[in-house]
N, C-alpha and C. Protein backbone atom coordinates (compact mmCIF):
# COMPACT_ATOMS: atom_id res chain seq x y z
N MET A 1 52.53 -3.76 -19.10
CA MET A 1 51.50 -3.31 -18.76
C MET A 1 50.69 -4.94 -18.26
N ARG A 2 51.25 -5.69 -17.84
CA ARG A 2 50.08 -7.49 -17.98
C ARG A 2 50.50 -7.05 -15.98
N LYS A 3 51.62 -7.09 -15.56
CA LYS A 3 51.75 -6.51 -14.86
C LYS A 3 50.84 -5.00 -13.58
N LEU A 4 50.77 -4.10 -14.37
CA LEU A 4 49.18 -3.71 -14.01
C LEU A 4 48.09 -3.77 -14.61
N LEU A 5 47.83 -4.42 -15.11
CA LEU A 5 46.86 -5.79 -15.48
C LEU A 5 46.27 -6.55 -13.89
N LEU A 6 47.44 -7.22 -13.55
CA LEU A 6 46.78 -8.02 -12.62
C LEU A 6 47.28 -7.60 -11.16
N SER A 7 47.28 -6.25 -11.52
CA SER A 7 47.34 -5.27 -9.96
C SER A 7 45.89 -5.14 -10.02
N LEU A 8 45.20 -4.35 -11.12
CA LEU A 8 44.38 -4.28 -10.86
C LEU A 8 43.33 -4.80 -10.88
N VAL A 9 43.40 -6.61 -11.15
CA VAL A 9 42.59 -8.01 -10.50
C VAL A 9 42.53 -7.50 -9.42
N ALA A 10 44.11 -7.85 -9.34
CA ALA A 10 44.28 -8.31 -6.83
C ALA A 10 42.78 -6.56 -6.17
N MET A 11 43.21 -6.22 -6.88
CA MET A 11 42.99 -4.76 -6.97
C MET A 11 41.18 -4.77 -6.45
N LEU A 12 41.30 -4.93 -7.29
CA LEU A 12 39.45 -5.21 -7.35
C LEU A 12 38.23 -6.25 -6.55
N VAL A 13 39.52 -7.62 -6.63
CA VAL A 13 38.90 -8.62 -5.67
C VAL A 13 38.89 -8.11 -4.43
N LEU A 14 40.23 -7.60 -3.85
CA LEU A 14 40.36 -7.54 -2.31
C LEU A 14 38.97 -5.92 -2.23
N GLY A 15 39.20 -4.97 -3.55
CA GLY A 15 38.36 -4.53 -2.65
C GLY A 15 36.53 -4.79 -2.64
N LEU A 16 36.06 -6.52 -3.35
CA LEU A 16 34.60 -6.56 -3.70
C LEU A 16 34.47 -7.58 -2.56
N SER A 17 36.03 -8.45 -2.05
CA SER A 17 35.20 -8.51 -0.53
C SER A 17 35.86 -7.60 1.36
N GLY A 18 36.03 -6.49 0.64
CA GLY A 18 36.59 -5.69 1.63
C GLY A 18 34.95 -5.18 1.77
N CYS A 19 33.48 -5.04 0.11
CA CYS A 19 32.42 -4.87 0.91
C CYS A 19 31.36 -5.65 0.58
N GLY A 20 31.92 -7.27 1.12
CA GLY A 20 31.16 -8.18 1.47
C GLY A 20 30.66 -8.83 0.29
N TYR A 21 31.33 -8.93 -0.45
CA TYR A 21 31.39 -9.33 -1.78
C TYR A 21 31.70 -11.89 -1.12
N ASN A 22 32.08 -11.73 -0.27
CA ASN A 22 32.01 -13.09 -0.08
C ASN A 22 31.00 -13.56 0.77
N THR A 23 30.44 -12.30 2.14
CA THR A 23 29.77 -12.64 2.48
C THR A 23 28.86 -12.97 2.38
N PHE A 24 28.18 -12.44 0.72
CA PHE A 24 27.23 -12.72 0.04
C PHE A 24 26.96 -14.13 0.06
N GLN A 25 27.86 -14.36 -0.68
CA GLN A 25 27.88 -16.15 -1.76
C GLN A 25 28.07 -16.87 -0.67
N SER A 26 29.07 -17.13 0.48
CA SER A 26 28.68 -17.56 1.91
C SER A 26 27.10 -18.31 1.99
N THR A 27 26.79 -16.43 2.29
CA THR A 27 25.29 -16.73 3.28
C THR A 27 24.36 -17.39 2.36
N ASP A 28 25.00 -17.08 0.93
CA ASP A 28 23.66 -17.53 0.17
C ASP A 28 23.93 -19.04 0.13
N GLU A 29 25.32 -19.45 0.06
CA GLU A 29 25.02 -21.27 0.48
C GLU A 29 24.61 -21.93 1.59
N GLN A 30 24.85 -20.29 2.54
CA GLN A 30 23.98 -21.28 3.84
C GLN A 30 22.66 -21.63 3.87
N ILE A 31 21.90 -20.60 3.23
CA ILE A 31 21.19 -20.11 3.13
C ILE A 31 20.17 -21.62 2.29
N LYS A 32 20.65 -22.09 1.17
CA LYS A 32 19.47 -22.92 0.15
C LYS A 32 20.33 -24.30 0.92
N SER A 33 21.34 -24.52 1.81
CA SER A 33 21.22 -26.27 2.56
C SER A 33 20.83 -25.33 3.40
N ALA A 34 20.62 -24.77 4.50
CA ALA A 34 19.20 -24.80 5.27
C ALA A 34 17.65 -24.53 4.69
N TRP A 35 17.56 -23.82 4.03
CA TRP A 35 16.14 -23.88 2.89
C TRP A 35 15.69 -25.75 2.59
N SER A 36 16.84 -26.27 1.29
CA SER A 36 17.16 -27.71 1.65
C SER A 36 16.44 -28.86 2.94
N GLU A 37 16.97 -28.28 4.14
CA GLU A 37 16.84 -29.28 5.46
C GLU A 37 16.30 -28.59 5.75
N VAL A 38 14.74 -27.75 5.78
CA VAL A 38 13.46 -27.19 5.86
C VAL A 38 12.43 -27.88 4.96
N LEU A 39 12.82 -28.08 3.65
CA LEU A 39 11.43 -28.90 3.48
C LEU A 39 11.89 -30.23 3.01
N ASN A 40 13.22 -30.85 3.41
CA ASN A 40 13.24 -32.02 4.00
C ASN A 40 12.59 -32.39 5.04
N GLN A 41 12.49 -31.76 5.80
CA GLN A 41 11.84 -31.86 6.90
C GLN A 41 10.01 -31.90 7.33
N TYR A 42 10.40 -31.34 5.89
CA TYR A 42 8.30 -30.79 6.35
C TYR A 42 7.79 -31.92 5.47
N GLN A 43 8.36 -31.61 4.20
CA GLN A 43 8.38 -33.40 3.85
C GLN A 43 8.01 -35.45 4.48
N ARG A 44 9.18 -34.97 5.17
CA ARG A 44 9.16 -36.26 5.96
C ARG A 44 7.73 -36.61 6.92
N ARG A 45 7.50 -34.79 7.25
CA ARG A 45 5.37 -34.48 8.20
C ARG A 45 4.95 -34.97 7.33
N ALA A 46 4.30 -34.46 5.97
CA ALA A 46 3.52 -35.45 5.46
C ALA A 46 3.41 -36.48 4.90
N ASP A 47 4.08 -36.63 4.34
CA ASP A 47 4.27 -38.36 3.98
C ASP A 47 4.41 -39.16 5.57
N LEU A 48 4.39 -38.78 6.43
CA LEU A 48 3.36 -39.43 8.23
C LEU A 48 2.40 -39.15 7.79
N VAL A 49 1.50 -38.18 7.86
CA VAL A 49 0.24 -37.80 7.63
C VAL A 49 -0.84 -39.11 7.33
N PRO A 50 -0.48 -39.60 6.78
CA PRO A 50 -1.73 -40.60 5.43
C PRO A 50 -1.78 -41.76 6.42
N ASN A 51 -0.26 -42.32 7.43
CA ASN A 51 -0.49 -43.36 7.93
C ASN A 51 -1.07 -43.26 9.06
N LEU A 52 -1.17 -41.29 9.64
CA LEU A 52 -1.60 -41.50 10.80
C LEU A 52 -2.87 -41.13 11.08
N VAL A 53 -3.53 -40.32 9.00
CA VAL A 53 -4.69 -40.23 9.81
C VAL A 53 -5.33 -42.02 9.59
N ALA A 54 -5.04 -42.73 8.30
CA ALA A 54 -5.74 -44.16 8.96
C ALA A 54 -5.50 -45.08 9.62
N THR A 55 -4.89 -44.91 11.17
CA THR A 55 -4.07 -45.32 12.09
C THR A 55 -5.96 -44.33 13.02
N VAL A 56 -6.15 -43.68 12.28
CA VAL A 56 -6.36 -42.72 13.68
C VAL A 56 -8.40 -42.92 13.30
N LYS A 57 -8.29 -43.54 11.18
CA LYS A 57 -9.43 -44.08 11.19
C LYS A 57 -10.07 -44.78 12.02
N GLY A 58 -9.43 -46.48 12.47
CA GLY A 58 -9.66 -47.36 12.79
C GLY A 58 -10.84 -47.21 14.27
N GLU A 59 -10.18 -46.03 14.93
CA GLU A 59 -11.40 -45.17 16.89
C GLU A 59 -12.45 -45.14 15.77
N THR A 60 -13.24 -45.25 15.16
CA THR A 60 -14.75 -44.99 14.77
C THR A 60 -15.33 -44.27 15.59
N ALA A 61 -14.72 -43.72 16.47
CA ALA A 61 -15.75 -43.01 17.38
C ALA A 61 -14.51 -41.19 17.22
N PHE A 62 -13.57 -41.16 16.84
CA PHE A 62 -12.70 -40.32 16.47
C PHE A 62 -14.40 -39.14 15.62
N GLU A 63 -13.27 -38.49 15.76
CA GLU A 63 -14.29 -36.49 15.31
C GLU A 63 -13.31 -36.67 13.84
N GLN A 64 -14.75 -36.43 13.01
CA GLN A 64 -14.10 -36.06 11.32
C GLN A 64 -13.63 -35.32 11.20
N GLU A 65 -14.63 -34.14 11.59
CA GLU A 65 -13.81 -32.67 11.69
C GLU A 65 -12.32 -32.59 11.49
N THR A 66 -11.66 -33.10 13.14
CA THR A 66 -10.45 -33.15 13.34
C THR A 66 -9.64 -33.67 12.42
N LEU A 67 -10.26 -34.63 11.21
CA LEU A 67 -9.53 -35.62 10.44
C LEU A 67 -9.13 -35.49 9.22
N VAL A 68 -10.49 -34.14 8.88
CA VAL A 68 -10.64 -33.82 7.13
C VAL A 68 -9.87 -32.65 8.05
N ARG A 69 -9.97 -31.67 8.97
CA ARG A 69 -8.84 -30.55 8.76
C ARG A 69 -6.79 -31.17 8.40
N VAL A 70 -6.78 -32.64 9.17
CA VAL A 70 -5.62 -32.61 8.97
C VAL A 70 -5.24 -33.23 6.99
N ILE A 71 -6.43 -34.19 6.56
CA ILE A 71 -6.23 -34.15 5.16
C ILE A 71 -5.97 -33.02 4.30
N GLU A 72 -6.90 -32.22 4.83
CA GLU A 72 -7.14 -31.40 3.66
C GLU A 72 -5.95 -30.23 3.67
N ALA A 73 -5.29 -29.92 5.23
CA ALA A 73 -4.23 -29.33 4.98
C ALA A 73 -3.04 -29.65 5.15
N ARG A 74 -3.01 -31.22 4.88
CA ARG A 74 -1.69 -31.46 3.87
C ARG A 74 -1.85 -31.59 2.24
N ALA A 75 -2.46 -31.73 2.14
CA ALA A 75 -3.22 -31.08 -0.35
C ALA A 75 -3.29 -29.89 -0.03
N LYS A 76 -3.41 -29.24 1.30
CA LYS A 76 -2.55 -27.88 0.20
C LYS A 76 -1.15 -27.57 0.60
N ALA A 77 -1.04 -27.41 1.56
CA ALA A 77 0.79 -28.05 2.10
C ALA A 77 1.39 -28.31 0.26
N THR A 78 0.89 -28.96 0.44
CA THR A 78 1.79 -30.19 -0.49
C THR A 78 1.82 -29.81 -1.78
N ALA A 79 0.60 -29.07 -2.54
CA ALA A 79 0.09 -28.52 -3.64
C ALA A 79 1.15 -27.43 -3.38
N ILE A 80 1.22 -27.06 -3.21
CA ILE A 80 2.40 -25.85 -3.57
C ILE A 80 4.40 -25.97 -3.74
N GLN A 81 3.95 -25.36 -4.82
CA GLN A 81 4.76 -25.31 -5.77
C GLN A 81 6.33 -24.32 -5.59
N VAL A 82 7.20 -25.81 -4.74
CA VAL A 82 8.16 -24.57 -4.57
C VAL A 82 9.39 -25.50 -5.61
N THR A 83 9.10 -23.31 -6.18
CA THR A 83 11.15 -23.71 -6.72
C THR A 83 12.29 -22.33 -6.39
N PRO A 84 13.04 -21.91 -6.97
CA PRO A 84 14.34 -20.97 -6.19
C PRO A 84 13.83 -19.63 -5.74
N GLU A 85 12.78 -19.51 -6.97
CA GLU A 85 11.88 -18.56 -6.86
C GLU A 85 11.53 -18.00 -5.63
N THR A 86 11.12 -18.78 -5.63
CA THR A 86 10.23 -18.95 -3.78
C THR A 86 10.90 -18.18 -2.68
N LEU A 87 12.36 -18.10 -2.08
CA LEU A 87 12.93 -17.71 -1.55
C LEU A 87 12.94 -16.00 -1.70
N ASN A 88 12.65 -14.79 -3.03
CA ASN A 88 13.56 -14.53 -3.67
C ASN A 88 11.27 -13.11 -3.12
N ASN A 89 10.55 -14.47 -3.42
CA ASN A 89 8.98 -13.67 -2.53
C ASN A 89 8.33 -13.43 -2.61
N PRO A 90 8.30 -12.79 -1.62
CA PRO A 90 7.89 -12.54 0.00
C PRO A 90 6.16 -13.01 0.07
N GLU A 91 5.57 -12.67 -1.35
CA GLU A 91 4.64 -13.51 -1.90
C GLU A 91 3.95 -14.62 -1.63
N ALA A 92 5.20 -15.83 -2.46
CA ALA A 92 5.20 -17.72 -2.32
C ALA A 92 5.50 -17.82 -0.99
N PHE A 93 6.25 -16.79 -0.72
CA PHE A 93 7.17 -17.54 0.40
C PHE A 93 5.70 -17.67 2.12
N GLN A 94 5.32 -16.32 1.79
CA GLN A 94 4.61 -16.44 3.00
C GLN A 94 3.52 -17.32 2.90
N LYS A 95 2.94 -18.03 1.51
CA LYS A 95 2.19 -18.48 1.40
C LYS A 95 2.25 -20.29 1.76
N PHE A 96 4.22 -20.44 0.53
CA PHE A 96 4.38 -21.89 1.88
C PHE A 96 4.07 -21.36 3.27
N GLN A 97 4.64 -20.62 3.85
CA GLN A 97 4.79 -21.06 5.49
C GLN A 97 3.04 -20.66 5.77
N ALA A 98 2.31 -20.02 5.44
CA ALA A 98 0.58 -20.26 5.91
C ALA A 98 0.26 -21.76 5.52
N ALA A 99 1.04 -22.15 4.52
CA ALA A 99 0.89 -24.00 5.02
C ALA A 99 0.79 -24.30 5.28
N GLN A 100 1.84 -24.63 5.51
CA GLN A 100 3.11 -25.58 6.42
C GLN A 100 2.18 -24.54 7.73
N GLY A 101 1.83 -23.98 8.03
CA GLY A 101 1.87 -23.17 8.89
C GLY A 101 0.04 -23.95 10.22
N GLU A 102 -0.70 -24.51 9.12
CA GLU A 102 -1.93 -24.62 8.78
C GLU A 102 -1.80 -25.98 9.38
N LEU A 103 -0.17 -26.39 8.47
CA LEU A 103 -0.49 -28.45 8.91
C LEU A 103 -0.47 -28.71 10.86
N GLY A 104 0.45 -28.17 10.73
CA GLY A 104 0.99 -28.21 11.85
C GLY A 104 -0.25 -28.13 12.41
N GLY A 105 -0.61 -27.05 13.06
CA GLY A 105 -1.62 -26.72 14.05
C GLY A 105 -2.62 -27.69 13.58
N ALA A 106 -3.71 -28.33 12.40
CA ALA A 106 -3.94 -29.10 13.26
C ALA A 106 -4.25 -30.14 12.99
N LEU A 107 -2.97 -31.72 12.97
CA LEU A 107 -2.07 -32.33 13.67
C LEU A 107 -2.11 -32.10 15.07
N SER A 108 -1.85 -30.34 15.04
CA SER A 108 -1.08 -30.18 17.34
C SER A 108 -2.70 -30.71 17.95
N ARG A 109 -3.97 -30.48 16.78
CA ARG A 109 -5.83 -30.22 17.52
C ARG A 109 -5.61 -32.36 16.76
N LEU A 110 -5.45 -32.82 16.37
CA LEU A 110 -5.09 -33.50 16.03
C LEU A 110 -4.61 -34.71 17.49
N LEU A 111 -2.55 -34.51 17.31
CA LEU A 111 -2.46 -34.50 19.38
C LEU A 111 -3.17 -34.97 19.79
N ALA A 112 -3.95 -33.78 20.49
CA ALA A 112 -4.44 -32.97 21.58
C ALA A 112 -5.38 -34.17 21.50
N VAL A 113 -6.93 -34.16 20.61
CA VAL A 113 -7.84 -34.89 20.42
C VAL A 113 -7.63 -36.46 20.69
N SER A 114 -6.63 -36.68 19.85
CA SER A 114 -6.68 -38.50 20.34
C SER A 114 -6.39 -38.25 21.86
N GLU A 115 -5.80 -37.79 23.03
CA GLU A 115 -5.64 -38.07 24.69
C GLU A 115 -6.37 -38.20 25.65
N GLN A 116 -7.73 -38.05 24.24
CA GLN A 116 -9.61 -38.40 24.86
C GLN A 116 -9.82 -39.76 24.89
N TYR A 117 -9.23 -40.43 23.61
CA TYR A 117 -9.39 -41.58 23.27
C TYR A 117 -8.72 -43.18 23.45
N PRO A 118 -9.10 -43.56 25.08
CA PRO A 118 -7.79 -44.19 25.52
C PRO A 118 -7.21 -45.47 24.01
N ASN A 119 -8.49 -45.60 24.03
CA ASN A 119 -8.28 -47.36 22.32
C ASN A 119 -6.49 -46.75 21.70
N LEU A 120 -7.25 -45.83 21.90
CA LEU A 120 -6.09 -45.02 20.34
C LEU A 120 -5.02 -44.63 21.56
N LYS A 121 -4.81 -44.12 22.18
CA LYS A 121 -3.71 -44.03 23.36
C LYS A 121 -2.43 -45.05 23.35
N ALA A 122 -4.00 -46.83 23.32
CA ALA A 122 -2.98 -48.37 23.90
C ALA A 122 -2.77 -48.81 22.28
N ASN A 123 -3.37 -48.12 21.47
CA ASN A 123 -2.55 -48.43 19.42
C ASN A 123 -1.41 -48.49 19.55
N GLN A 124 -0.37 -48.96 19.84
CA GLN A 124 1.38 -49.02 19.14
C GLN A 124 1.54 -48.29 18.18
N ALA A 125 0.73 -48.61 17.35
CA ALA A 125 0.92 -48.50 16.01
C ALA A 125 0.54 -46.63 16.20
N PHE A 126 0.24 -46.21 15.95
CA PHE A 126 -0.89 -44.88 17.15
C PHE A 126 0.54 -44.00 17.75
N ARG A 127 1.36 -45.02 18.37
CA ARG A 127 1.97 -44.14 19.22
C ARG A 127 3.70 -44.09 18.67
N ASP A 128 4.17 -44.90 17.54
CA ASP A 128 4.68 -44.71 17.30
C ASP A 128 5.13 -43.75 15.90
N LEU A 129 3.41 -43.56 15.48
CA LEU A 129 3.35 -42.36 14.38
C LEU A 129 3.38 -41.10 14.89
N GLN A 130 2.73 -41.04 16.30
CA GLN A 130 2.87 -39.51 17.61
C GLN A 130 4.61 -39.50 17.54
N ALA A 131 5.13 -40.84 17.69
CA ALA A 131 6.86 -40.64 18.11
C ALA A 131 8.15 -39.95 16.88
N GLN A 132 7.27 -40.32 15.91
CA GLN A 132 7.78 -39.62 14.68
C GLN A 132 7.67 -38.63 14.66
N LEU A 133 6.02 -38.32 14.86
CA LEU A 133 5.92 -37.12 14.93
C LEU A 133 6.22 -35.92 14.74
N GLU A 134 5.88 -35.80 16.20
CA GLU A 134 7.01 -35.38 17.44
C GLU A 134 8.10 -34.68 16.94
N GLY A 135 8.75 -36.36 17.13
CA GLY A 135 10.04 -35.62 16.14
C GLY A 135 10.59 -35.32 15.53
N THR A 136 9.38 -35.33 14.69
CA THR A 136 9.25 -34.54 12.97
C THR A 136 9.50 -33.08 13.98
N GLU A 137 8.55 -33.14 14.22
CA GLU A 137 8.39 -30.93 15.20
C GLU A 137 9.69 -30.62 15.48
N ASN A 138 10.12 -31.58 15.97
CA ASN A 138 11.54 -30.89 17.37
C ASN A 138 12.50 -30.41 15.61
N ARG A 139 12.42 -31.74 14.43
CA ARG A 139 13.86 -31.17 13.24
C ARG A 139 13.41 -29.75 12.70
N ILE A 140 12.55 -29.53 12.17
CA ILE A 140 11.52 -28.47 11.34
C ILE A 140 11.55 -27.88 13.00
N THR A 141 11.64 -27.54 13.70
CA THR A 141 11.94 -26.87 14.16
C THR A 141 13.43 -26.18 14.46
N VAL A 142 14.48 -26.07 14.49
CA VAL A 142 15.35 -26.64 14.31
C VAL A 142 16.04 -26.33 13.26
N ALA A 143 15.54 -27.15 11.89
CA ALA A 143 16.09 -26.77 10.33
C ALA A 143 14.81 -25.58 10.56
N ARG A 144 14.48 -25.07 10.94
CA ARG A 144 13.39 -22.99 10.21
C ARG A 144 14.73 -22.30 11.14
N ASN A 145 14.98 -22.89 12.34
CA ASN A 145 15.40 -21.84 13.79
C ASN A 145 17.02 -21.54 12.82
N ARG A 146 17.40 -22.51 11.90
CA ARG A 146 19.07 -22.63 11.34
C ARG A 146 19.00 -21.34 9.64
N TYR A 147 17.86 -21.94 9.80
CA TYR A 147 17.14 -20.87 7.91
C TYR A 147 16.89 -19.44 8.12
N ILE A 148 16.37 -19.22 9.91
CA ILE A 148 16.08 -18.02 9.97
C ILE A 148 17.39 -17.89 9.42
N LYS A 149 17.97 -17.14 10.98
CA LYS A 149 19.82 -16.98 11.37
C LYS A 149 20.47 -16.71 10.49
N ALA A 150 20.52 -17.56 8.97
CA ALA A 150 21.10 -17.90 8.35
C ALA A 150 20.19 -16.43 7.39
N VAL A 151 19.31 -16.47 6.92
CA VAL A 151 18.25 -15.72 6.07
C VAL A 151 18.61 -14.03 7.34
N GLN A 152 18.74 -14.09 8.58
CA GLN A 152 19.47 -12.47 8.69
C GLN A 152 20.91 -11.94 8.29
N ASP A 153 21.81 -13.21 8.85
CA ASP A 153 23.72 -12.05 8.71
C ASP A 153 23.24 -12.16 6.88
N TYR A 154 22.50 -12.33 6.24
CA TYR A 154 22.32 -12.44 4.50
C TYR A 154 21.76 -11.00 4.83
N ASN A 155 20.39 -10.60 5.03
CA ASN A 155 19.69 -9.77 4.95
C ASN A 155 20.57 -8.36 6.54
N VAL A 156 21.15 -8.77 6.94
CA VAL A 156 22.31 -7.58 7.87
C VAL A 156 23.20 -6.74 6.58
N ALA A 157 23.61 -8.27 6.03
CA ALA A 157 24.94 -7.39 5.03
C ALA A 157 24.70 -6.72 4.10
N VAL A 158 23.31 -6.87 3.21
CA VAL A 158 22.67 -6.58 1.96
C VAL A 158 22.23 -4.65 2.78
N ARG A 159 21.05 -4.92 3.95
CA ARG A 159 21.62 -3.15 4.59
C ARG A 159 22.59 -2.43 4.68
N SER A 160 23.56 -3.38 5.37
CA SER A 160 24.75 -2.58 5.82
C SER A 160 25.47 -1.89 4.38
N PHE A 161 26.14 -0.54 5.09
CA PHE A 161 26.68 0.38 5.02
C PHE A 161 29.03 -0.62 5.00
N PRO A 162 29.32 -1.06 4.07
CA PRO A 162 29.39 -0.46 2.64
C PRO A 162 29.49 -1.41 1.51
N SER A 163 28.48 -2.78 2.39
CA SER A 163 28.06 -4.51 1.67
C SER A 163 26.73 -4.02 1.14
N ASN A 164 26.15 -2.57 1.53
CA ASN A 164 24.65 -2.89 0.45
C ASN A 164 25.07 -2.15 -0.99
N LEU A 165 26.34 -1.44 -1.19
CA LEU A 165 26.43 -1.58 -2.08
C LEU A 165 26.96 -2.16 -2.88
N THR A 166 27.52 -2.97 -2.39
CA THR A 166 27.94 -5.03 -3.76
C THR A 166 26.39 -4.81 -3.26
N ALA A 167 26.08 -5.58 -3.28
CA ALA A 167 23.63 -6.02 -3.51
C ALA A 167 23.46 -5.62 -4.16
N MET A 168 23.59 -3.71 -4.00
CA MET A 168 23.55 -3.20 -5.36
C MET A 168 23.94 -3.38 -6.42
N MET A 169 25.23 -3.49 -7.26
CA MET A 169 25.32 -3.48 -8.01
C MET A 169 25.18 -4.78 -8.33
N PHE A 170 25.37 -6.07 -7.99
CA PHE A 170 24.77 -7.93 -8.31
C PHE A 170 23.99 -7.80 -7.83
N GLY A 171 22.66 -7.23 -7.77
CA GLY A 171 21.18 -7.86 -6.81
C GLY A 171 20.52 -8.24 -5.72
N TYR A 172 21.63 -8.04 -5.59
CA TYR A 172 21.21 -9.26 -3.64
C TYR A 172 20.40 -9.04 -3.13
N ALA A 173 18.88 -9.29 -3.23
CA ALA A 173 17.63 -8.01 -2.45
C ALA A 173 17.66 -9.08 -1.67
N VAL A 174 16.89 -8.20 -0.06
CA VAL A 174 16.60 -8.34 1.66
C VAL A 174 16.17 -9.41 0.81
N LYS A 175 15.77 -10.77 1.59
CA LYS A 175 14.61 -11.88 1.23
C LYS A 175 14.10 -11.99 2.41
N PRO A 176 12.69 -12.68 2.25
CA PRO A 176 11.49 -12.92 3.01
C PRO A 176 11.90 -14.14 4.04
N ASN A 177 11.76 -14.29 5.24
CA ASN A 177 12.21 -15.35 5.58
C ASN A 177 11.23 -15.25 7.17
N PHE A 178 11.67 -16.90 8.13
CA PHE A 178 10.25 -17.21 9.00
C PHE A 178 10.46 -16.46 10.03
N SER A 179 9.41 -16.52 10.95
CA SER A 179 9.55 -15.64 11.68
C SER A 179 9.21 -16.76 13.03
N VAL A 180 10.07 -15.77 13.58
CA VAL A 180 10.29 -16.30 15.24
C VAL A 180 9.30 -16.72 15.95
N THR A 181 8.17 -15.70 16.03
CA THR A 181 7.15 -15.65 16.72
C THR A 181 6.65 -16.77 16.38
N ASP A 182 6.42 -17.11 14.51
CA ASP A 182 5.64 -18.04 14.42
C ASP A 182 5.05 -19.09 14.50
N GLU A 183 7.25 -19.06 14.46
CA GLU A 183 7.26 -20.65 15.19
C GLU A 183 6.53 -20.78 16.76
N LYS A 184 6.97 -20.24 17.29
CA LYS A 184 7.06 -20.40 19.23
C LYS A 184 4.86 -21.25 18.86
N ALA A 185 4.89 -20.34 17.99
CA ALA A 185 2.38 -20.28 17.67
C ALA A 185 2.49 -21.43 17.84
N LEU A 186 3.66 -21.79 15.83
CA LEU A 186 3.09 -23.66 15.98
C LEU A 186 3.33 -24.59 16.82
N ALA A 187 4.30 -24.21 17.68
CA ALA A 187 4.98 -25.39 18.89
C ALA A 187 3.76 -25.00 20.31
N VAL A 188 2.95 -24.82 20.16
CA VAL A 188 2.10 -24.39 21.69
C VAL A 188 0.81 -25.17 20.29
N PRO A 189 0.26 -26.49 21.52
CA PRO A 189 -1.29 -27.16 20.72
C PRO A 189 -2.29 -25.61 20.76
N PRO A 190 -3.32 -25.86 19.94
CA PRO A 190 -4.72 -24.45 19.85
C PRO A 190 -5.41 -25.65 21.06
N ALA A 191 -6.04 -24.08 21.95
CA ALA A 191 -7.20 -24.37 22.52
C ALA A 191 -8.06 -25.37 21.89
N VAL A 192 -8.06 -26.45 22.73
CA VAL A 192 -9.79 -27.71 21.39
C VAL A 192 -10.29 -27.51 22.79
N ASN A 193 -11.81 -27.72 22.12
CA ASN A 193 -13.04 -28.46 22.73
C ASN A 193 -13.13 -29.32 23.08
N PHE A 194 -13.25 -30.56 23.28
CA PHE A 194 -13.20 -31.97 23.12
C PHE A 194 -15.23 -32.22 22.63
N GLY A 195 -16.07 -31.52 23.79
CA GLY A 195 -17.47 -31.35 23.96
C GLY A 195 -17.53 -33.20 23.91
N GLY A 196 -18.07 -33.37 22.60
CA GLY A 196 -18.80 -34.77 22.83
C GLY A 196 -17.35 -36.51 22.69
N ALA A 197 -16.76 -35.78 22.11
CA ALA A 197 -15.24 -36.28 22.50
C ALA A 197 -15.55 -37.07 23.41
N GLN A 198 -15.60 -36.27 24.79
CA GLN A 198 -14.90 -36.46 26.19
C GLN A 198 -16.53 -37.37 26.29
N LYS A 199 -17.56 -37.16 25.99
CA LYS A 199 -18.38 -37.77 25.85
C LYS A 199 -17.94 -39.20 25.63
N LYS A 200 -17.88 -39.87 24.24
CA LYS A 200 -17.30 -40.97 23.43
C LYS A 200 -16.72 -41.76 24.39
N ALA A 201 -14.97 -40.90 24.94
CA ALA A 201 -13.69 -41.20 25.56
C ALA A 201 -14.55 -41.84 26.34
N GLY A 202 -15.76 -41.23 27.31
CA GLY A 202 -16.26 -41.72 28.37
C GLY A 202 -16.56 -42.81 27.96
N GLU A 203 -17.79 -43.18 27.53
CA GLU A 203 -18.88 -43.87 27.17
C GLU A 203 -17.82 -45.96 26.75
N SER A 204 -16.54 -45.49 25.68
CA SER A 204 -15.79 -46.36 25.01
C SER A 204 -14.89 -47.23 26.42
N GLN A 205 -14.98 -46.73 27.59
CA GLN A 205 -13.95 -47.11 28.85
C GLN A 205 -15.06 -48.05 29.14
């Protein structure tokens, strides 16, 4: 009887392995690890913003609208409460992605506008912060791409036969994901109409 029970357990284990159970375990852990790194890099970026804003404020002619957008975007991004359920909730995930995208866009505009202010460009503190921010954006891109790949592998298993049967049995559902297209869009600084900023920069020279 004991041998029969052990045989049945062995068959069950082999059956689960062949139907993708182990794949779900490994890809789910990869997703959690990749997501943790994404959050770490987004937090790193958010932590740089206050010092960046304080440094830019030293340039009295700097356009206030750009600063306000950065401050408001950071407040919105950091106000979102991220929980383990965020990864399984498309609406919450989209809200998080949109807020981070807004902050990324606001920072891109700030850096673009800063090019029109020679005094600011010559500020060592600003250059250091700019370098840190650019490095962080690169790390965000890497972390996001790793997360995208991990979720893609997981979702393929959820949708594919016969692993989809295991997914239904154990409650593994498709997870929302970042968009590669959105990532590329965030990497491109927005078009900026400097207008008065150019004039002010010229006046300060």
